[in-house]
């Protein structure tokens, strides 16, 4: 399976958990781009947070 990446609106490529920032929501956490704090879609964030840099 190929790695999942997400390109944020600021142009940053989000590929690993280190590229995300977790903010606690009422029920589920919200994942945001570490660069600009734009919200990352939860499906993409869940896939990305399980990837490890090699």
N, C-alpha and C. Protein backbone atom coordinates (compact mmCIF):
# COMPACT_ATOMS: atom_id res chain seq x y z
N UNK A 1 0.85 -1.17 0.00
CA UNK A 1 0.00 0.00 0.00
C UNK A 1 0.90 1.24 0.00
N UNK A 2 0.60 2.19 -0.85
CA UNK A 2 1.40 3.40 -0.94
C UNK A 2 1.06 4.35 0.20
N UNK A 3 2.03 5.18 0.60
CA UNK A 3 1.78 6.12 1.69
C UNK A 3 0.73 7.16 1.31
N UNK A 4 -0.03 7.58 2.29
CA UNK A 4 -1.04 8.62 2.10
C UNK A 4 -0.41 9.97 2.36
N UNK A 5 -0.69 10.91 1.50
CA UNK A 5 -0.24 12.28 1.72
C UNK A 5 -1.43 13.22 1.52
N UNK A 6 -1.30 14.39 2.08
CA UNK A 6 -2.34 15.41 1.93
C UNK A 6 -1.63 16.74 1.71
N UNK A 7 -2.05 17.48 0.72
CA UNK A 7 -1.48 18.79 0.47
C UNK A 7 -2.42 19.84 1.04
N UNK A 8 -1.92 20.55 2.01
CA UNK A 8 -2.70 21.58 2.69
C UNK A 8 -2.89 22.79 1.79
N UNK A 9 -3.85 23.63 2.12
CA UNK A 9 -4.10 24.84 1.33
C UNK A 9 -2.92 25.80 1.38
N UNK A 10 -2.05 25.67 2.38
CA UNK A 10 -0.87 26.54 2.46
C UNK A 10 0.28 26.01 1.61
N UNK A 11 0.10 24.80 1.05
CA UNK A 11 1.12 24.21 0.20
C UNK A 11 1.97 23.16 0.89
N UNK A 12 1.82 23.01 2.20
CA UNK A 12 2.60 22.02 2.94
C UNK A 12 2.11 20.61 2.61
N UNK A 13 3.05 19.68 2.48
CA UNK A 13 2.70 18.29 2.26
C UNK A 13 2.69 17.59 3.61
N UNK A 14 1.56 17.01 3.96
CA UNK A 14 1.40 16.32 5.23
C UNK A 14 1.51 14.83 4.95
N UNK A 15 2.54 14.21 5.53
CA UNK A 15 2.82 12.81 5.24
C UNK A 15 2.95 11.96 6.50
N UNK A 16 3.34 12.58 7.61
CA UNK A 16 3.56 11.85 8.85
C UNK A 16 2.85 12.54 10.01
N UNK A 17 2.72 11.79 11.12
CA UNK A 17 2.04 12.34 12.30
C UNK A 17 2.70 13.63 12.79
N UNK A 18 4.01 13.73 12.60
CA UNK A 18 4.74 14.93 13.03
C UNK A 18 4.28 16.17 12.28
N UNK A 19 3.66 16.00 11.12
CA UNK A 19 3.18 17.13 10.32
C UNK A 19 1.80 17.61 10.78
N UNK A 20 1.19 16.87 11.71
CA UNK A 20 -0.15 17.19 12.18
C UNK A 20 -0.11 17.77 13.59
N UNK A 21 -1.14 18.51 13.92
CA UNK A 21 -1.32 19.02 15.28
C UNK A 21 -2.70 18.57 15.74
N UNK A 22 -2.75 17.93 16.90
CA UNK A 22 -4.01 17.41 17.43
C UNK A 22 -4.62 18.43 18.39
N UNK A 23 -5.90 18.73 18.17
CA UNK A 23 -6.64 19.60 19.08
C UNK A 23 -7.86 18.84 19.55
N UNK A 24 -8.05 18.79 20.85
CA UNK A 24 -9.14 18.02 21.41
C UNK A 24 -10.48 18.68 21.15
N UNK A 25 -11.40 17.93 20.53
CA UNK A 25 -12.75 18.42 20.29
C UNK A 25 -13.67 17.91 21.39
N UNK A 26 -14.95 18.17 21.26
CA UNK A 26 -15.91 17.72 22.27
C UNK A 26 -16.01 16.20 22.30
N UNK A 27 -16.07 15.57 21.13
CA UNK A 27 -16.18 14.12 21.06
C UNK A 27 -14.94 13.51 20.41
N UNK A 28 -14.55 14.05 19.28
CA UNK A 28 -13.40 13.54 18.53
C UNK A 28 -12.36 14.64 18.39
N UNK A 29 -11.08 14.25 18.31
CA UNK A 29 -10.05 15.27 18.12
C UNK A 29 -10.12 15.86 16.72
N UNK A 30 -9.61 17.06 16.57
CA UNK A 30 -9.49 17.73 15.28
C UNK A 30 -8.01 17.73 14.93
N UNK A 31 -7.70 17.35 13.71
CA UNK A 31 -6.31 17.33 13.25
C UNK A 31 -6.08 18.53 12.36
N UNK A 32 -4.98 19.24 12.60
CA UNK A 32 -4.68 20.45 11.84
C UNK A 32 -3.25 20.40 11.30
N UNK A 33 -3.05 21.18 10.24
CA UNK A 33 -1.72 21.33 9.65
C UNK A 33 -0.82 22.05 10.66
N UNK A 34 0.36 21.52 10.89
CA UNK A 34 1.27 22.13 11.84
C UNK A 34 1.77 23.50 11.35
N UNK A 35 1.79 23.72 10.05
CA UNK A 35 2.30 24.97 9.48
C UNK A 35 1.32 26.13 9.63
N UNK A 36 0.07 25.91 9.19
CA UNK A 36 -0.88 27.04 9.14
C UNK A 36 -2.12 26.84 10.02
N UNK A 37 -2.22 25.69 10.66
CA UNK A 37 -3.34 25.34 11.54
C UNK A 37 -4.68 25.21 10.82
N UNK A 38 -4.64 24.93 9.51
CA UNK A 38 -5.87 24.64 8.77
C UNK A 38 -6.29 23.21 9.10
N UNK A 39 -7.58 22.98 9.14
CA UNK A 39 -8.08 21.66 9.48
C UNK A 39 -7.81 20.66 8.35
N UNK A 40 -7.34 19.48 8.73
CA UNK A 40 -7.09 18.39 7.79
C UNK A 40 -8.29 17.45 7.88
N UNK A 41 -8.82 16.98 6.75
CA UNK A 41 -9.96 16.05 6.81
C UNK A 41 -9.64 14.85 7.70
N UNK A 42 -10.58 14.48 8.57
CA UNK A 42 -10.33 13.44 9.56
C UNK A 42 -9.95 12.10 8.94
N UNK A 43 -10.51 11.75 7.80
CA UNK A 43 -10.17 10.47 7.15
C UNK A 43 -8.69 10.47 6.78
N UNK A 44 -8.21 11.55 6.17
CA UNK A 44 -6.80 11.65 5.78
C UNK A 44 -5.90 11.66 7.02
N UNK A 45 -6.29 12.41 8.04
CA UNK A 45 -5.48 12.50 9.25
C UNK A 45 -5.35 11.14 9.92
N UNK A 46 -6.42 10.38 9.97
CA UNK A 46 -6.37 9.04 10.58
C UNK A 46 -5.42 8.12 9.81
N UNK A 47 -5.41 8.22 8.49
CA UNK A 47 -4.50 7.40 7.69
C UNK A 47 -3.06 7.85 7.90
N UNK A 48 -2.83 9.15 7.90
CA UNK A 48 -1.48 9.70 8.01
C UNK A 48 -0.89 9.45 9.39
N UNK A 49 -1.68 9.54 10.44
CA UNK A 49 -1.11 9.44 11.79
C UNK A 49 -0.53 8.06 12.09
N UNK A 50 -0.86 7.06 11.27
CA UNK A 50 -0.32 5.71 11.46
C UNK A 50 0.93 5.44 10.64
N UNK A 51 1.34 6.41 9.83
CA UNK A 51 2.54 6.25 9.00
C UNK A 51 3.77 6.68 9.78
N UNK A 52 4.85 5.98 9.54
CA UNK A 52 6.13 6.28 10.21
C UNK A 52 7.16 6.64 9.17
N UNK A 53 7.97 7.66 9.46
CA UNK A 53 9.04 7.98 8.51
C UNK A 53 10.04 6.84 8.47
N UNK A 54 10.56 6.55 7.28
CA UNK A 54 11.52 5.44 7.19
C UNK A 54 12.95 5.92 7.18
